[in-house]
Protein backbone atom coordinates (compact mmCIF):
# COMPACT_ATOMS: atom_id res chain seq x y z
CA MET A 1 186.71 136.66 156.22
CA ARG A 2 184.63 138.12 153.69
CA ILE A 3 185.42 141.77 155.70
CA LEU A 4 188.94 140.94 155.81
CA TRP A 5 189.19 140.46 152.21
CA ARG A 6 187.10 143.72 151.73
CA ILE A 7 189.77 145.73 153.58
CA LEU A 8 192.70 143.99 151.75
CA GLY A 9 190.73 144.97 148.67
CA PHE A 10 192.17 148.56 149.73
CA LEU A 11 195.59 147.30 148.71
CA LYS A 12 195.09 146.60 145.27
CA PRO A 13 195.87 150.14 144.08
CA HIS A 14 199.48 149.89 145.84
CA LYS A 15 200.64 146.34 144.46
CA LYS A 16 204.24 147.55 143.93
CA LEU A 17 204.59 148.63 147.49
CA VAL A 18 203.19 145.39 148.56
CA LEU A 19 205.57 143.90 146.16
CA ALA A 20 208.33 145.35 147.85
CA ALA A 21 207.15 144.89 150.94
CA TYR A 22 207.12 141.07 150.92
CA VAL A 23 210.09 140.98 148.87
CA SER A 24 211.84 142.86 152.00
CA LEU A 25 210.08 140.67 154.14
CA ILE A 26 211.40 137.29 152.50
CA GLY A 27 215.14 138.64 152.30
CA SER A 28 215.01 139.40 156.22
CA SER A 29 213.19 135.97 156.93
CA LEU A 30 215.85 134.14 154.88
CA LEU A 31 218.63 135.70 156.66
CA TYR A 32 217.36 135.19 159.71
CA LEU A 33 216.63 131.41 158.86
CA ALA A 34 220.18 131.25 158.06
CA LEU A 35 221.78 132.38 161.72
CA PRO A 36 220.96 129.27 163.61
CA ARG A 37 222.18 126.68 160.93
CA LEU A 38 225.40 128.75 160.98
CA VAL A 39 225.77 128.61 164.72
CA GLY A 40 224.82 124.79 164.75
CA GLU A 41 227.13 124.31 161.68
CA SER A 42 230.23 126.19 163.51
CA ILE A 43 229.79 124.08 166.79
CA ASP A 44 229.70 121.00 164.88
CA GLN A 45 232.95 121.82 163.15
CA VAL A 46 234.84 122.61 166.00
CA LEU A 47 233.74 119.85 167.96
CA ASP A 48 234.69 117.46 165.06
CA GLN A 49 238.27 119.59 164.07
CA GLY A 50 239.02 121.35 166.96
CA ASP A 51 239.66 124.46 165.01
CA PHE A 52 238.57 127.48 166.87
CA SER A 53 239.56 129.79 164.57
CA PHE A 54 236.34 128.74 162.79
CA LEU A 55 234.42 130.64 164.89
CA VAL A 56 236.07 134.03 163.85
CA TYR A 57 235.02 133.35 160.80
CA ALA A 58 231.33 132.31 161.98
CA GLY A 59 231.26 135.26 164.02
CA ALA A 60 231.93 137.79 160.96
CA ALA A 61 229.35 135.87 159.07
CA ILE A 62 226.58 136.21 161.30
CA VAL A 63 227.58 140.15 162.18
CA GLY A 64 227.42 140.55 158.29
CA LEU A 65 224.26 138.48 157.77
CA THR A 66 222.44 140.76 160.35
CA LEU A 67 223.73 143.81 159.09
CA ILE A 68 222.15 142.80 155.63
CA ARG A 69 219.31 141.73 157.44
CA ALA A 70 218.70 144.95 159.38
CA VAL A 71 218.45 146.68 155.73
CA PHE A 72 215.59 144.26 154.74
CA ALA A 73 214.23 144.86 158.46
CA TYR A 74 214.14 148.77 157.61
CA PHE A 75 212.27 148.40 154.29
CA GLU A 76 210.03 146.02 155.34
CA SER A 77 208.98 148.38 158.73
CA TYR A 78 208.76 151.39 156.44
CA LEU A 79 206.60 149.71 153.46
CA ARG A 80 204.53 148.32 156.38
CA GLU A 81 203.68 151.77 157.72
CA ALA A 82 203.26 153.38 154.48
CA LEU A 83 200.94 150.43 153.52
CA SER A 84 199.02 150.96 156.62
CA GLN A 85 198.38 154.92 156.10
CA LEU A 86 197.70 154.55 152.39
CA VAL A 87 194.72 152.11 153.49
CA ALA A 88 193.69 154.55 156.09
CA TYR A 89 193.79 157.10 153.50
CA GLY A 90 191.60 155.61 151.10
CA ILE A 91 189.19 154.44 153.36
CA ARG A 92 188.73 157.60 154.67
CA ASN A 93 188.38 159.33 151.83
CA ALA A 94 185.72 156.82 150.60
CA MET A 95 183.89 157.27 153.39
CA TYR A 96 183.67 160.99 153.28
CA ASP A 97 182.96 161.02 149.79
CA HIS A 98 179.83 158.59 150.36
CA LEU A 99 178.81 160.47 152.98
CA GLN A 100 178.79 163.52 151.13
CA ARG A 101 176.97 162.10 148.49
CA MET A 102 174.12 160.74 150.50
CA SER A 103 170.57 162.51 150.40
CA PHE A 104 169.35 163.84 153.56
CA ALA A 105 167.19 161.25 154.31
CA TYR A 106 170.16 159.13 155.15
CA HIS A 107 171.57 162.10 157.35
CA ASP A 108 168.33 162.35 158.87
CA LYS A 109 168.76 158.93 160.90
CA GLN A 110 172.19 159.20 161.33
CA GLN A 111 174.13 160.38 164.74
CA THR A 112 177.18 162.72 163.87
CA GLY A 113 179.35 161.05 166.92
CA GLN A 114 179.01 157.49 165.49
CA LEU A 115 179.94 158.74 161.96
CA MET A 116 182.95 160.68 163.12
CA SER A 117 184.20 157.55 165.57
CA ARG A 118 183.81 155.67 162.57
CA ALA A 119 185.75 157.83 160.18
CA THR A 120 188.34 157.96 163.12
CA ALA A 121 188.58 155.13 165.76
CA ASP A 122 187.79 152.31 163.39
CA VAL A 123 189.92 153.50 160.54
CA GLU A 124 192.88 153.61 163.02
CA ASN A 125 191.67 150.01 164.28
CA ILE A 126 192.21 148.64 160.81
CA ARG A 127 195.13 150.59 159.97
CA TRP A 128 196.85 149.01 163.01
CA PHE A 129 195.91 145.55 161.35
CA VAL A 130 197.18 146.25 157.87
CA SER A 131 200.44 147.63 159.82
CA LEU A 132 200.76 144.71 162.44
CA ALA A 133 198.93 142.17 160.95
CA VAL A 134 198.66 141.78 157.38
CA VAL A 135 202.36 141.90 156.41
CA ARG A 136 203.45 141.09 159.87
CA MET A 137 201.20 137.94 160.05
CA SER A 138 202.65 136.64 156.21
CA TYR A 139 206.13 137.20 157.75
CA LEU A 140 205.39 135.04 160.95
CA ILE A 141 203.77 132.48 158.59
CA PHE A 142 206.87 132.52 156.47
CA LEU A 143 209.04 132.28 159.50
CA VAL A 144 207.12 129.13 161.05
CA GLY A 145 207.07 127.45 157.66
CA GLY A 146 210.72 127.74 157.06
CA VAL A 147 211.62 126.74 160.65
CA GLY A 148 209.38 123.54 159.87
CA THR A 149 210.85 122.82 156.97
CA VAL A 150 214.51 123.02 158.05
CA MET A 151 213.81 121.22 161.27
CA LEU A 152 211.98 118.14 159.21
CA LEU A 153 215.04 117.75 157.11
CA THR A 154 217.37 117.93 159.65
CA ASN A 155 215.33 115.56 162.03
CA TRP A 156 211.76 114.77 161.04
CA ALA A 157 211.20 112.83 164.41
CA LEU A 158 212.39 115.92 166.42
CA ALA A 159 210.52 118.31 164.08
CA LEU A 160 207.29 116.73 165.06
CA VAL A 161 207.92 117.11 168.46
CA THR A 162 208.54 120.89 168.18
CA MET A 163 205.68 121.48 166.32
CA ALA A 164 203.34 119.40 167.61
CA PHE A 165 201.80 122.35 169.78
CA ILE A 166 200.93 124.97 166.73
CA PRO A 167 197.56 123.19 165.57
CA VAL A 168 196.35 123.31 169.34
CA LEU A 169 197.20 127.31 168.97
CA ILE A 170 195.67 127.75 165.84
CA LEU A 171 192.62 126.04 167.05
CA ARG A 172 192.33 127.79 170.34
CA GLY A 173 192.97 131.62 168.32
CA ALA A 174 189.81 130.71 165.86
CA ILE A 175 187.97 130.38 169.37
CA ILE A 176 189.28 133.41 170.82
CA GLY A 177 188.81 135.46 167.51
CA ARG A 178 185.31 134.68 167.25
CA ARG A 179 184.40 135.50 170.98
CA LEU A 180 186.91 139.08 170.77
CA ARG A 181 184.82 139.96 167.20
CA VAL A 182 181.91 140.24 169.49
CA VAL A 183 183.05 141.93 171.99
CA TRP A 184 185.03 144.28 169.97
CA LEU A 185 181.96 145.30 167.82
CA ARG A 186 180.43 146.48 171.00
CA ALA A 187 183.08 148.34 172.18
CA GLN A 188 183.23 150.25 169.07
CA GLU A 189 179.75 150.79 169.53
CA ARG A 190 180.15 152.31 172.72
CA THR A 191 182.94 154.48 171.40
CA GLY A 192 180.37 155.94 168.85
CA GLU A 193 177.69 156.69 171.17
CA LEU A 194 180.29 158.35 173.63
CA THR A 195 181.17 160.47 170.82
CA THR A 196 178.17 161.31 170.08
CA ILE A 197 177.36 162.56 173.60
CA LEU A 198 180.67 164.62 173.48
CA GLN A 199 179.81 165.94 170.20
CA GLU A 200 176.28 166.88 171.30
CA SER A 201 177.08 168.53 174.69
CA LEU A 202 180.31 170.62 173.48
CA SER A 203 177.78 171.70 170.51
CA GLY A 204 175.22 172.84 172.92
CA ILE A 205 177.21 173.77 175.48
CA LYS A 206 175.39 177.38 176.09
CA VAL A 207 172.08 175.42 176.28
CA VAL A 208 173.76 173.02 178.83
CA LYS A 209 174.84 176.14 180.87
CA ALA A 210 171.78 177.92 180.56
CA PHE A 211 169.68 175.10 182.18
CA ASP A 212 172.30 174.08 184.72
CA ARG A 213 172.78 170.80 183.23
CA GLN A 214 176.25 170.21 183.87
CA ASP A 215 176.18 167.64 186.21
CA HIS A 216 173.28 165.70 184.24
CA GLU A 217 175.67 165.72 181.14
CA GLY A 218 178.82 164.55 183.00
CA ARG A 219 176.73 161.65 184.56
CA LYS A 220 175.42 160.68 181.03
CA PHE A 221 178.95 160.89 179.85
CA SER A 222 180.73 159.01 182.67
CA GLY A 223 177.99 156.43 182.24
CA LYS A 224 179.02 155.48 178.57
CA ALA A 225 182.51 155.85 179.47
CA GLY A 226 181.97 153.16 182.05
CA GLN A 227 180.32 150.93 179.36
CA LEU A 228 182.97 151.09 177.14
CA ALA A 229 185.59 150.50 180.19
CA ASP A 230 183.80 147.55 180.84
CA GLU A 231 183.86 146.21 177.21
CA HIS A 232 187.26 146.65 177.01
CA LEU A 233 187.97 144.80 180.31
CA ARG A 234 186.08 142.04 178.78
CA VAL A 235 188.66 142.07 175.76
CA ALA A 236 191.35 142.14 178.54
CA ARG A 237 189.98 139.46 180.42
CA ILE A 238 189.66 137.14 177.10
CA GLN A 239 193.38 137.69 175.94
CA ALA A 240 194.82 137.10 179.54
CA SER A 241 193.35 133.70 179.59
CA ASN A 242 195.15 133.01 176.65
CA MET A 243 198.63 134.27 177.41
CA PRO A 244 199.00 131.57 180.31
CA MET A 245 198.39 128.90 178.02
CA MET A 246 200.44 129.68 175.49
CA THR A 247 203.36 129.95 177.80
CA PHE A 248 202.65 126.93 179.34
CA LEU A 249 202.68 125.17 175.79
CA PHE A 250 206.08 126.70 174.91
CA THR A 251 207.83 125.48 178.41
CA ALA A 252 206.47 122.33 177.96
CA VAL A 253 207.58 122.25 174.31
CA THR A 254 211.22 123.26 175.29
CA GLY A 255 211.40 120.40 178.21
CA LEU A 256 210.57 117.81 175.45
CA VAL A 257 212.98 119.00 172.92
CA LEU A 258 215.77 119.21 175.18
CA TRP A 259 214.77 115.31 176.97
CA PHE A 260 214.20 113.82 173.21
CA GLY A 261 216.65 115.70 171.60
CA GLY A 262 219.46 114.60 173.96
CA ARG A 263 218.40 111.27 173.62
CA GLU A 264 218.90 111.62 170.16
CA VAL A 265 222.66 112.98 170.63
CA ILE A 266 223.63 110.35 172.92
CA ALA A 267 222.50 107.78 170.46
CA GLY A 268 224.20 109.22 167.97
CA ARG A 269 221.32 110.28 165.68
CA LEU A 270 221.58 114.11 166.08
CA SER A 271 224.80 116.08 166.35
CA PRO A 272 225.21 118.55 169.14
CA GLY A 273 225.20 121.53 166.74
CA GLU A 274 221.80 119.96 165.35
CA LEU A 275 220.29 119.85 168.90
CA THR A 276 221.71 123.74 168.84
CA GLN A 277 220.03 124.78 165.86
CA PHE A 278 216.71 122.94 167.20
CA ILE A 279 216.88 125.04 170.24
CA LEU A 280 217.31 128.60 168.62
CA TYR A 281 214.71 127.49 165.80
CA LEU A 282 212.47 127.12 169.14
CA ALA A 283 213.45 130.27 170.47
CA MET A 284 212.85 131.52 167.20
CA LEU A 285 209.30 130.26 167.46
CA GLN A 286 208.82 132.29 170.71
CA MET A 287 207.95 135.48 169.14
CA PRO A 288 205.36 133.86 166.55
CA VAL A 289 203.58 132.05 169.22
CA ARG A 290 203.34 134.99 171.35
CA MET A 291 202.42 137.29 168.28
CA ILE A 292 199.31 134.70 167.79
CA GLY A 293 197.24 136.48 170.45
CA PHE A 294 197.92 140.15 169.63
CA MET A 295 197.44 139.19 165.84
CA ILE A 296 194.16 137.67 166.46
CA ASN A 297 193.00 140.72 168.86
CA LEU A 298 194.18 142.90 165.88
CA ALA A 299 192.01 140.94 163.42
CA SER A 300 188.94 140.65 165.53
CA ARG A 301 188.89 144.55 166.18
CA ALA A 302 189.54 145.23 162.51
CA VAL A 303 186.66 142.94 161.54
CA SER A 304 184.56 144.96 164.10
CA SER A 305 185.59 148.18 162.55
CA GLY A 306 185.46 147.19 159.05
CA GLN A 307 181.87 146.22 159.74
CA ARG A 308 180.64 149.26 161.02
CA ILE A 309 182.87 150.94 158.04
CA PHE A 310 181.25 148.79 155.67
CA GLU A 311 177.83 149.77 156.74
CA ILE A 312 178.35 152.99 155.56
CA LEU A 313 179.84 152.10 152.30
CA ASP A 314 177.20 149.94 151.25
CA ALA A 315 174.25 152.45 152.35
CA ASP A 316 172.20 153.09 149.04
CA SER A 317 171.22 156.63 149.17
CA PRO A 318 167.35 157.36 148.02
CA VAL A 319 168.30 160.02 145.94
CA LYS A 320 170.65 158.50 142.95
CA GLU A 321 171.76 160.43 139.54
CA LYS A 322 170.15 158.10 137.07
CA ALA A 323 172.22 157.05 134.12
CA GLY A 324 172.01 159.16 131.12
CA ALA A 325 171.10 162.36 133.24
CA VAL A 326 170.83 165.60 131.39
CA ALA A 327 172.28 168.88 132.37
CA LEU A 328 169.92 171.68 133.21
CA ASP A 329 171.22 174.65 130.97
CA GLY A 330 169.68 178.06 130.44
CA ILE A 331 166.53 177.37 132.21
CA ARG A 332 163.64 179.84 132.55
CA GLY A 333 162.35 178.84 136.00
CA HIS A 334 158.84 177.33 135.22
CA VAL A 335 158.13 175.19 138.14
CA VAL A 336 155.36 172.44 138.34
CA LEU A 337 154.42 170.53 140.96
CA ASP A 338 152.23 167.39 139.67
CA HIS A 339 149.87 165.72 142.06
CA VAL A 340 152.91 165.50 144.37
CA SER A 341 152.88 163.39 147.65
CA PHE A 342 155.79 162.65 150.17
CA ARG A 343 156.48 160.83 153.28
CA TYR A 344 159.55 160.12 155.25
CA ASP A 345 160.06 156.37 155.62
CA ALA A 346 157.11 154.56 156.70
CA ALA A 347 155.28 157.49 158.29
CA SER A 348 152.25 159.16 157.05
CA ASP A 349 152.04 161.60 154.37
CA VAL A 350 153.72 164.85 155.13
CA LEU A 351 152.71 166.17 151.48
CA ILE A 352 149.19 165.09 149.55
CA ASP A 353 148.74 165.38 146.19
CA ILE A 354 150.23 168.54 145.94
CA SER A 355 149.45 170.42 142.47
CA VAL A 356 150.93 173.75 141.64
CA GLU A 357 152.19 175.74 138.69
CA VAL A 358 154.60 178.53 139.03
CA GLN A 359 155.57 180.81 136.08
CA PRO A 360 159.38 181.97 135.45
CA GLY A 361 159.97 184.97 137.94
CA GLN A 362 157.08 184.77 140.12
CA VAL A 363 157.43 184.85 144.05
CA VAL A 364 155.64 182.24 145.89
CA ALA A 365 155.09 182.44 149.51
CA LEU A 366 154.48 179.23 151.78
CA LEU A 367 152.26 179.73 154.88
CA GLY A 368 151.11 177.29 157.40
CA ALA A 369 151.58 175.93 160.75
CA THR A 370 154.79 174.26 162.05
CA GLY A 371 154.67 170.58 160.45
CA SER A 372 152.19 171.68 157.46
CA GLY A 373 154.91 170.95 154.81
CA LYS A 374 156.44 174.45 153.65
CA SER A 375 160.22 172.96 153.75
CA THR A 376 159.64 169.59 152.43
CA ILE A 377 157.89 171.51 149.42
CA VAL A 378 161.20 173.46 148.73
CA HIS A 379 163.46 170.78 149.86
CA LEU A 380 161.81 168.52 146.90
CA LEU A 381 162.95 171.11 144.42
CA PRO A 382 166.70 170.98 144.48
CA ARG A 383 165.96 167.02 145.16
CA PHE A 384 167.20 166.66 148.83
CA TYR A 385 164.51 164.18 149.02
CA ASP A 386 162.55 162.48 145.93
CA VAL A 387 158.56 162.32 145.81
CA THR A 388 157.05 159.17 146.77
CA GLY A 389 154.28 160.30 144.19
CA GLY A 390 153.79 162.33 141.51
CA ARG A 391 156.23 164.80 139.62
CA VAL A 392 158.44 167.79 140.20
CA LEU A 393 159.03 169.76 136.82
CA ILE A 394 161.43 172.32 136.02
CA ASP A 395 160.77 173.74 132.70
CA GLY A 396 158.87 170.88 131.41
CA MET A 397 161.79 168.26 132.71
CA ASP A 398 161.25 165.81 135.72
CA VAL A 399 164.20 166.62 138.42
CA ARG A 400 164.85 162.97 138.52
CA ASP A 401 165.92 163.03 134.71
CA LEU A 402 168.73 165.86 135.80
CA THR A 403 172.22 165.63 136.72
CA LEU A 404 172.17 166.59 140.61
CA GLN A 405 175.21 169.51 140.05
CA SER A 406 173.29 171.41 137.14
CA LEU A 407 169.99 171.22 138.83
CA ARG A 408 171.55 172.42 142.52
CA ASN A 409 173.44 174.89 140.60
CA ASN A 410 169.88 176.57 139.34
CA VAL A 411 168.35 176.00 142.72
CA GLY A 412 169.62 178.50 145.55
CA ILE A 413 168.28 177.89 148.90
CA VAL A 414 168.62 179.87 152.21
CA GLN A 415 168.54 177.37 155.22
CA GLN A 416 166.32 178.55 158.09
CA ASP A 417 169.39 177.06 160.56
CA VAL A 418 172.14 179.29 158.78
CA PHE A 419 175.36 177.11 158.91
CA LEU A 420 178.62 179.16 158.53
CA PHE A 421 182.00 177.47 158.21
CA SER A 422 184.97 178.28 160.49
CA ALA A 423 186.64 180.64 158.03
CA THR A 424 186.95 184.05 156.59
CA ILE A 425 183.89 186.03 155.75
CA ARG A 426 184.99 186.06 152.26
CA ASP A 427 185.49 182.29 152.28
CA ASN A 428 181.65 182.05 153.58
CA ILE A 429 180.32 183.83 150.96
CA ALA A 430 182.16 182.48 148.13
CA TYR A 431 181.84 178.99 149.50
CA GLY A 432 179.60 178.05 146.34
CA ALA A 433 181.35 180.08 143.74
CA ILE A 434 185.10 179.40 144.74
CA ASN A 435 186.51 181.37 141.59
CA ALA A 436 184.16 184.68 142.42
CA THR A 437 186.47 187.70 142.16
CA ASP A 438 186.47 190.17 145.08
CA GLU A 439 184.08 192.52 143.45
CA GLN A 440 181.81 189.69 142.91
CA VAL A 441 181.87 188.87 146.56
CA GLU A 442 181.44 192.56 147.61
CA TRP A 443 178.55 193.07 145.12
CA ALA A 444 176.74 189.77 146.74
CA ALA A 445 177.44 191.53 150.38
CA LYS A 446 176.14 195.05 149.18
CA VAL A 447 173.11 193.85 148.22
CA SER A 448 172.46 191.80 151.25
CA ARG A 449 173.40 194.94 153.04
CA MET A 450 176.30 193.05 154.84
CA HIS A 451 179.34 195.13 153.05
CA ASP A 452 179.38 198.27 155.41
CA PHE A 453 179.47 196.19 158.51
CA ILE A 454 182.21 193.90 157.05
CA MET A 455 184.27 197.05 155.87
CA GLY A 456 184.09 198.15 159.73
CA MET A 457 185.65 195.16 160.77
CA PRO A 458 189.40 195.16 161.49
CA GLN A 459 190.22 192.94 158.79
CA GLY A 460 187.18 193.46 156.36
CA TYR A 461 186.27 190.45 154.35
CA GLN A 462 189.06 188.50 155.67
CA THR A 463 187.97 188.53 159.22
CA TRP A 464 187.59 185.03 160.92
CA VAL A 465 184.09 184.02 161.71
CA GLY A 466 184.81 181.32 164.22
CA GLU A 467 183.23 177.86 164.39
CA ARG A 468 179.55 178.16 163.09
CA GLY A 469 179.95 181.96 162.93
CA ILE A 470 180.07 182.32 166.18
CA THR A 471 181.30 186.09 165.88
CA LEU A 472 177.90 187.26 164.20
CA SER A 473 174.77 187.73 165.15
CA GLY A 474 171.63 185.87 163.93
CA GLY A 475 170.80 188.55 161.33
CA GLN A 476 174.44 188.92 160.47
CA LYS A 477 174.71 185.10 159.65
CA GLN A 478 171.41 185.67 158.03
CA ARG A 479 172.54 188.13 155.72
CA VAL A 480 176.16 186.41 154.76
CA ALA A 481 173.62 183.24 153.81
CA ILE A 482 171.77 185.28 151.33
CA ALA A 483 175.05 186.86 149.97
CA ARG A 484 176.05 183.53 149.59
CA THR A 485 173.13 182.28 147.80
CA LEU A 486 173.11 185.42 145.43
CA LEU A 487 176.92 185.16 144.37
CA ARG A 488 175.57 181.39 142.60
CA ASP A 489 173.14 183.32 140.73
CA PRO A 490 170.58 180.91 140.82
CA ARG A 491 167.33 181.17 138.58
CA ILE A 492 165.45 179.49 141.51
CA LEU A 493 165.56 181.09 144.76
CA ILE A 494 164.41 179.49 147.73
CA LEU A 495 164.27 181.69 151.07
CA ASP A 496 163.66 179.38 154.10
CA ASP A 497 162.54 182.05 156.76
CA SER A 498 165.29 184.33 155.34
CA THR A 499 164.71 187.25 157.10
CA SER A 500 162.97 185.69 160.42
CA SER A 501 166.22 186.56 162.41
CA VAL A 502 166.92 190.40 161.62
CA ASP A 503 164.92 193.42 162.82
CA THR A 504 161.78 195.02 160.84
CA ARG A 505 164.33 197.76 159.21
CA THR A 506 167.41 195.37 158.32
CA GLU A 507 164.26 193.19 156.63
CA PHE A 508 163.38 196.14 154.76
CA GLN A 509 166.73 196.77 153.36
CA ILE A 510 166.91 193.41 152.46
CA ARG A 511 163.62 193.08 150.86
CA GLN A 512 164.39 196.11 148.98
CA ALA A 513 167.55 194.75 147.63
CA LEU A 514 166.02 191.81 146.67
CA GLU A 515 162.92 192.89 144.95
CA GLU A 516 165.23 193.84 141.46
CA LEU A 517 166.53 190.30 141.55
CA MET A 518 163.86 188.57 142.17
CA LYS A 519 161.94 189.60 139.13
CA SER A 520 164.33 187.41 137.10
CA ARG A 521 164.05 184.15 139.27
CA THR A 522 161.45 182.03 140.59
CA THR A 523 161.36 182.47 144.17
CA PHE A 524 159.86 180.68 146.86
CA VAL A 525 159.70 182.21 150.21
CA ILE A 526 158.90 180.50 153.48
CA ALA A 527 157.99 183.76 155.73
CA GLN A 528 155.97 184.62 158.46
CA ARG A 529 155.95 188.64 157.78
CA LEU A 530 153.27 190.50 156.30
CA SER A 531 155.70 192.51 154.58
CA THR A 532 156.98 189.64 152.59
CA VAL A 533 153.42 187.78 151.92
CA LYS A 534 152.03 190.74 150.60
CA ASN A 535 154.09 191.11 147.61
CA ALA A 536 154.04 187.73 146.75
CA ASP A 537 152.46 186.99 143.40
CA LEU A 538 151.25 183.50 144.97
CA ILE A 539 150.23 182.20 148.39
CA LEU A 540 150.06 178.89 149.31
CA VAL A 541 148.15 178.04 152.62
CA LEU A 542 149.17 174.73 153.66
CA GLU A 543 147.39 172.50 156.33
CA ASN A 544 148.30 169.21 157.29
CA GLY A 545 150.11 168.40 154.07
CA ARG A 546 147.56 169.87 151.59
CA ILE A 547 146.80 172.98 150.04
CA ALA A 548 144.12 174.85 152.10
CA GLN A 549 143.91 178.10 150.02
CA ARG A 550 145.67 179.65 147.45
CA GLY A 551 146.12 183.31 145.54
CA THR A 552 147.04 186.64 146.15
CA HIS A 553 147.06 188.57 149.81
CA GLU A 554 143.75 190.68 148.60
CA GLU A 555 141.88 187.39 147.45
CA LEU A 556 142.74 185.48 150.74
CA LEU A 557 141.51 188.12 152.64
CA ALA A 558 138.08 188.13 150.81
CA GLN A 559 137.96 184.27 150.96
CA GLY A 560 138.40 184.04 154.50
CA GLY A 561 139.49 180.69 156.21
CA LEU A 562 142.80 179.58 157.22
CA TYR A 563 144.68 182.33 155.80
CA ARG A 564 142.19 184.92 157.53
CA GLU A 565 142.97 183.30 160.85
CA ILE A 566 146.66 183.67 160.37
CA TYR A 567 146.46 187.30 158.97
CA GLU A 568 144.40 188.05 162.38
CA LEU A 569 146.80 186.19 164.81
CA GLN A 570 149.96 186.71 163.53
CA LEU A 571 150.33 189.02 160.58
CA ARG A 572 148.28 191.71 161.01
CA PRO A 573 149.84 192.23 164.81
CA GLN A 574 153.31 192.37 162.74
CA GLU A 575 152.01 195.09 160.55
CA GLU A 576 150.83 197.17 163.11
CA ALA A 577 153.91 196.43 165.24
CA SER A 578 156.09 197.65 162.42
CA GLN A 579 153.79 200.89 161.75
CA ALA A 580 154.12 201.95 165.00
CA ALA A 581 158.10 201.27 165.22
CA ALA A 582 158.61 203.62 161.91
CA ALA A 583 156.12 206.10 163.59
CA GLY A 584 158.35 206.26 166.60
CA GLU A 585 161.41 206.31 164.55
CA ALA A 586 159.78 209.39 162.40
CA ALA A 587 159.19 211.17 165.62
CA SER A 588 162.90 210.79 166.83
């Protein structure tokens, strides 16, 4: 029930619509309840007085009441659907906003397909519940209560016979509801898993085809689809077992009413018209009775979906903006990592006692093997994660004391895995600065050496790049990402392997353009190219989460150790290859 109450909480902002829906419902119900009474009174009037003209007036009244009821029913149906759509809208927005505010640590553990399933299929299940159960269930309860009241006032004994089966159906409904909730929860989990498989296989379709794994992916998808079908069949079996019992009870009660009511008519304690009323009211109860199973199914499905949705809404982000956080304005770019340690969940430390001071405008190169902690360090600066020990300071202020928006506005990062949206090149460059002018966008593109290429395309900056920038090469996407970061004009710049996807000549062009900009920015570069490393003011060599060496290129070469090993195995061969390529171009 707690989950259902939370779902109903999304109706609070729409109290007026809820009130209007219930007014329409009550009006429709009262008019519906009046019809059998009118028919019964008409029959008794004709039988008692023999005046058949009364049937004309009764028929006209029935038609009139039905037309008025149709108006109420229209508004009730429309408002029901409107409320369900508004609830779905509110839940989807709440989920999306919450997911956008969750930290990297949360998303590291989530499956995209599961999140997509909850935002679509689970929300739709709740929408159906609100539309067909919340208001409609109140209508059915009101109808049953109204019928029971009229029956009791007419003949209490026959009313008890008529209504005796309802408690049995309610008890059985509660039992079936508990069983359905468990099965529906499993079904929704299978739906999420199926969505995950579909999302991964389509996103990685090139890999699937390159390794000829279409059959494998097909079997994986088919297996999970089969599991989902099995869960739905379990639901069908539970529902199917309920319907025959409901039909039997209803038929049995109809027979009892005819038998008992007929005896009452013969005894003179009940008029023929009143017996007709009872039969019509019993027929009126048939729809609510048959709807009980459907409502239980909707409620069980909504509870299962609500449980999955509230798992997201109740999730707490490890990175939160504290009350009273201050804005980071007009910074110089002085960065200090003070005895910083970090671990992912309960895993061993990824960073251990990292201490380094970076002056404004300095360029810091981070080197080390995969998993040594290079990317983790730069992810701590904009608070994608929070340190588990020590402090990260910018201009003397702990980043945990700053507003996230002002912090991230001052820290620009070019990710190693460049993500471009399905939009125009201009929109992708201006993604972080939506009010940027065309001149500013072109300036950023020129600095990243992308302008000439863009102008050579048929639609220039309005060229559509496709999903994830599929129409651009790796180097072109890299330069669009650099332009996107530069347009924000951050005081701290992070280049996460930012030129690893371009050739030597293009890298040289980009580096030339960036050198002037780096003079006024504190820059962290995760790079494997000697051209970038040699020009750094400070090189940090990481090994197993610790700073193994620090200094300039010349200082570290003189020291020997891990840096010299990286230089001999990786950097020096690159330098020789670059020199050979340059000599070849000069000769040609």
